[in-house]
Amino acid sequence: MERSIRSADADFLSRELRSEIKHEYLAGAAHAKADTSNRHNAIAGNIITTLHTQLRGNAFKPWNSDTKVRLRLRNGTRFYYP
């Protein structure tokens, strides 16, 4: 079972690399991610810049919404763009 789950996760990641749009992956199902606006991107950029400045010298790093995050949960793997 674990091998088939890993294969499904790998298939999703492979398809995502070739896709023109981003998807989030929840328990084996891919869902198209909502588009963003320039205003949203400007606000998010300001937040990332502020966080980066505040976290300088710390082990933590802020990431933008283009960074995919993998969560391994009991009920399946999920990939999100935070």
C-alpha atoms as a PDB file:
ATOM      1  CA  MET A   1       0.000   0.000   0.000  1.00  0.00           C
ATOM      2  CA  GLU A   2       2.768   2.465   0.931  1.00  0.00           C
ATOM      3  CA  ARG A   3       4.430   1.951  -2.468  1.00  0.00           C
ATOM      4  CA  SER A   4       1.185   2.737  -4.352  1.00  0.00           C
ATOM      5  CA  ILE A   5       0.681   5.887  -2.256  1.00  0.00           C
ATOM      6  CA  ARG A   6       4.209   7.046  -3.034  1.00  0.00           C
ATOM      7  CA  SER A   7       3.613   6.283  -6.716  1.00  0.00           C
ATOM      8  CA  ALA A   8       0.404   8.344  -6.726  1.00  0.00           C
ATOM      9  CA  ASP A   9       2.226  11.225  -5.011  1.00  0.00           C
ATOM     10  CA  ALA A  10       5.060  11.018  -7.545  1.00  0.00           C
ATOM     11  CA  ASP A  11       2.559  10.946 -10.422  1.00  0.00           C
ATOM     12  CA  PHE A  12       0.904  14.095  -9.076  1.00  0.00           C
ATOM     13  CA  LEU A  13       4.239  15.901  -8.750  1.00  0.00           C
ATOM     14  CA  SER A  14       5.234  14.870 -12.271  1.00  0.00           C
ATOM     15  CA  ARG A  15       1.954  16.115 -13.755  1.00  0.00           C
ATOM     16  CA  GLU A  16       2.206  19.325 -11.734  1.00  0.00           C
ATOM     17  CA  LEU A  17       5.586  20.137 -13.284  1.00  0.00           C
ATOM     18  CA  ARG A  18       4.026  20.032 -16.765  1.00  0.00           C
ATOM     19  CA  SER A  19       0.779  21.797 -15.861  1.00  0.00           C
ATOM     20  CA  GLU A  20       0.091  25.399 -16.826  1.00  0.00           C
ATOM     21  CA  ILE A  21      -1.904  25.891 -13.614  1.00  0.00           C
ATOM     22  CA  LYS A  22      -1.107  24.917 -10.028  1.00  0.00           C
ATOM     23  CA  HIS A  23      -3.030  22.268  -8.132  1.00  0.00           C
ATOM     24  CA  GLU A  24      -3.358  21.288  -4.503  1.00  0.00           C
ATOM     25  CA  TYR A  25      -3.437  17.563  -3.773  1.00  0.00           C
ATOM     26  CA  LEU A  26      -5.726  16.186  -1.085  1.00  0.00           C
ATOM     27  CA  ALA A  27      -5.865  12.454  -0.350  1.00  0.00           C
ATOM     28  CA  GLY A  28      -5.306  11.398  -3.947  1.00  0.00           C
ATOM     29  CA  ALA A  29      -7.333  14.123  -5.693  1.00  0.00           C
ATOM     30  CA  ALA A  30      -5.877  17.173  -7.469  1.00  0.00           C
ATOM     31  CA  HIS A  31      -7.772  20.462  -7.154  1.00  0.00           C
ATOM     32  CA  ALA A  32      -7.008  23.554  -9.230  1.00  0.00           C
ATOM     33  CA  LYS A  33      -5.610  26.385  -7.127  1.00  0.00           C
ATOM     34  CA  ALA A  34      -7.426  29.705  -7.294  1.00  0.00           C
ATOM     35  CA  ASP A  35      -5.744  32.420  -9.344  1.00  0.00           C
ATOM     36  CA  THR A  36      -4.374  35.514  -7.613  1.00  0.00           C
ATOM     37  CA  SER A  37      -4.521  39.210  -8.414  1.00  0.00           C
ATOM     38  CA  ASN A  38      -1.759  41.814  -8.603  1.00  0.00           C
ATOM     39  CA  ARG A  39      -3.112  43.355  -5.396  1.00  0.00           C
ATOM     40  CA  HIS A  40      -2.888  40.001  -3.626  1.00  0.00           C
ATOM     41  CA  ASN A  41       0.683  39.508  -4.882  1.00  0.00           C
ATOM     42  CA  ALA A  42       1.709  42.999  -3.700  1.00  0.00           C
ATOM     43  CA  ILE A  43       0.280  42.390  -0.215  1.00  0.00           C
ATOM     44  CA  ALA A  44       1.857  38.937  -0.010  1.00  0.00           C
ATOM     45  CA  GLY A  45       5.218  40.356  -1.148  1.00  0.00           C
ATOM     46  CA  ASN A  46       5.111  43.008   1.575  1.00  0.00           C
ATOM     47  CA  ILE A  47       4.321  40.366   4.206  1.00  0.00           C
ATOM     48  CA  ILE A  48       7.159  38.102   3.021  1.00  0.00           C
ATOM     49  CA  THR A  49       9.601  41.034   3.117  1.00  0.00           C
ATOM     50  CA  THR A  50       8.525  41.983   6.650  1.00  0.00           C
ATOM     51  CA  LEU A  51       8.725  38.396   7.877  1.00  0.00           C
ATOM     52  CA  HIS A  52      12.127  37.904   6.263  1.00  0.00           C
ATOM     53  CA  THR A  53      13.451  41.000   8.050  1.00  0.00           C
ATOM     54  CA  GLN A  54      11.996  39.934  11.397  1.00  0.00           C
ATOM     55  CA  LEU A  55      13.280  36.355  11.114  1.00  0.00           C
ATOM     56  CA  ARG A  56      16.821  37.250  10.039  1.00  0.00           C
ATOM     57  CA  GLY A  57      19.329  35.202  12.037  1.00  0.00           C
ATOM     58  CA  ASN A  58      16.630  32.684  13.008  1.00  0.00           C
ATOM     59  CA  ALA A  59      16.218  29.098  11.809  1.00  0.00           C
ATOM     60  CA  PHE A  60      12.782  29.942  10.371  1.00  0.00           C
ATOM     61  CA  LYS A  61      12.270  31.218   6.829  1.00  0.00           C
ATOM     62  CA  PRO A  62       9.158  32.685   5.217  1.00  0.00           C
ATOM     63  CA  TRP A  63       8.097  31.234   1.847  1.00  0.00           C
ATOM     64  CA  ASN A  64       5.760  32.680  -0.740  1.00  0.00           C
ATOM     65  CA  SER A  65       2.681  31.052  -2.260  1.00  0.00           C
ATOM     66  CA  ASP A  66       4.738  29.514  -5.086  1.00  0.00           C
ATOM     67  CA  THR A  67       6.352  27.093  -2.636  1.00  0.00           C
ATOM     68  CA  LYS A  68       4.667  23.706  -2.481  1.00  0.00           C
ATOM     69  CA  VAL A  69       4.374  22.134   0.991  1.00  0.00           C
ATOM     70  CA  ARG A  70       3.901  18.392   1.552  1.00  0.00           C
ATOM     71  CA  LEU A  71       2.009  17.116   4.592  1.00  0.00           C
ATOM     72  CA  ARG A  72       2.064  13.407   5.368  1.00  0.00           C
ATOM     73  CA  LEU A  73      -1.045  12.649   7.396  1.00  0.00           C
ATOM     74  CA  ARG A  74      -2.597   9.405   8.576  1.00  0.00           C
ATOM     75  CA  ASN A  75      -5.333   9.671   5.958  1.00  0.00           C
ATOM     76  CA  GLY A  76      -3.026  10.497   3.044  1.00  0.00           C
ATOM     77  CA  THR A  77      -0.500  12.912   1.650  1.00  0.00           C
ATOM     78  CA  ARG A  78      -1.463  16.480   0.860  1.00  0.00           C
ATOM     79  CA  PHE A  79       0.364  19.106  -1.169  1.00  0.00           C
ATOM     80  CA  TYR A  80      -0.538  22.756  -0.599  1.00  0.00           C
ATOM     81  CA  TYR A  81       0.641  26.127  -1.771  1.00  0.00           C
ATOM     82  CA  PRO A  82       0.363  28.142   1.470  1.00  0.00           C
END
